[in-house]
Amino acid sequence: MAQLRFHWDFFGPDGPTTAEHFLKHVDEFCARAGVSGQQHWIRTQGVRTTATLECDEQYMAVVRDSLKPKRAERVLEG
């Protein structure tokens, strides 16, 4: 099954700290909602920090509707 990446953006000097804290809540949500096999990370570029969650496409609706990401993308398979 294809993988999806969901992204949330945080801005300013507190962006990295806020993004890390947000991902703790994402972990809690994934455990509660049964989202398995997920990975997440943050990336900082200038004043923007992006928190990313990667998971199987089967979880698209629950992640999209509950966590309301700013954008998403499908990861192309090998």
Protein backbone atom coordinates (compact mmCIF):
# COMPACT_ATOMS: atom_id res chain seq x y z
CA MET A 1 0.00 0.00 0.00
CA ALA A 2 1.16 3.53 -0.74
CA GLN A 3 2.56 5.79 1.96
CA LEU A 4 1.24 9.29 2.64
CA ARG A 5 3.02 12.21 4.24
CA PHE A 6 1.03 14.78 6.19
CA HIS A 7 2.61 18.16 7.00
CA TRP A 8 1.99 20.88 9.61
CA ASP A 9 3.92 24.17 9.63
CA PHE A 10 5.11 26.14 12.66
CA PHE A 11 6.78 29.54 12.43
CA GLY A 12 9.17 31.64 14.45
CA PRO A 13 11.80 30.96 17.09
CA ASP A 14 9.49 28.60 19.02
CA GLY A 15 8.63 26.62 15.89
CA PRO A 16 10.98 23.67 16.52
CA THR A 17 9.88 23.27 20.14
CA THR A 18 6.21 23.56 19.21
CA ALA A 19 6.61 21.04 16.37
CA GLU A 20 8.30 18.50 18.68
CA HIS A 21 5.53 18.93 21.23
CA PHE A 22 2.89 18.57 18.52
CA LEU A 23 4.44 15.26 17.41
CA LYS A 24 4.07 13.90 20.95
CA HIS A 25 0.34 14.48 20.59
CA VAL A 26 0.42 12.88 17.14
CA ASP A 27 2.00 9.77 18.72
CA GLU A 28 -0.77 9.67 21.32
CA PHE A 29 -3.40 10.06 18.61
CA CYS A 30 -1.87 7.27 16.49
CA ALA A 31 -1.87 4.89 19.47
CA ARG A 32 -5.50 5.72 20.26
CA ALA A 33 -6.68 5.54 16.63
CA GLY A 34 -4.75 2.36 15.78
CA VAL A 35 -2.48 4.00 13.21
CA SER A 36 0.48 1.63 13.02
CA GLY A 37 3.78 1.67 11.17
CA GLN A 38 4.02 5.45 11.18
CA GLN A 39 7.14 7.58 11.20
CA HIS A 40 7.47 11.27 11.98
CA TRP A 41 10.11 13.97 11.98
CA ILE A 42 10.61 17.72 11.91
CA ARG A 43 12.56 19.84 9.44
CA THR A 44 13.53 23.47 9.95
CA GLN A 45 14.20 25.87 7.09
CA GLY A 46 14.68 29.48 8.08
CA VAL A 47 11.73 30.59 10.22
CA ARG A 48 9.51 27.64 9.24
CA THR A 49 9.54 24.25 10.95
CA THR A 50 7.53 21.45 9.39
CA ALA A 51 6.28 18.46 11.37
CA THR A 52 5.71 15.44 9.12
CA LEU A 53 3.82 12.20 9.70
CA GLU A 54 4.26 9.33 7.25
CA CYS A 55 1.83 6.42 7.38
CA ASP A 56 -0.03 3.92 5.21
CA GLU A 57 -2.67 5.30 2.87
CA GLN A 58 -5.36 3.31 4.68
CA TYR A 59 -5.20 5.87 7.53
CA MET A 60 -5.79 8.87 5.26
CA ALA A 61 -9.34 9.67 6.38
CA VAL A 62 -8.73 9.39 10.11
CA VAL A 63 -5.55 11.51 10.02
CA ARG A 64 -6.96 14.09 7.59
CA ASP A 65 -10.28 14.52 9.40
CA SER A 66 -8.91 14.47 12.96
CA LEU A 67 -5.56 16.24 12.72
CA LYS A 68 -6.27 18.59 9.79
CA PRO A 69 -2.84 18.75 8.15
CA LYS A 70 -1.92 21.80 6.08
CA ARG A 71 -0.93 19.60 3.14
CA ALA A 72 -0.26 16.00 2.20
CA GLU A 73 1.53 14.02 -0.47
CA ARG A 74 1.72 10.45 -1.68
CA VAL A 75 5.17 8.86 -1.51
CA LEU A 76 5.93 7.13 -4.77
CA GLU A 77 6.61 3.42 -4.46
CA GLY A 78 9.96 2.07 -5.49
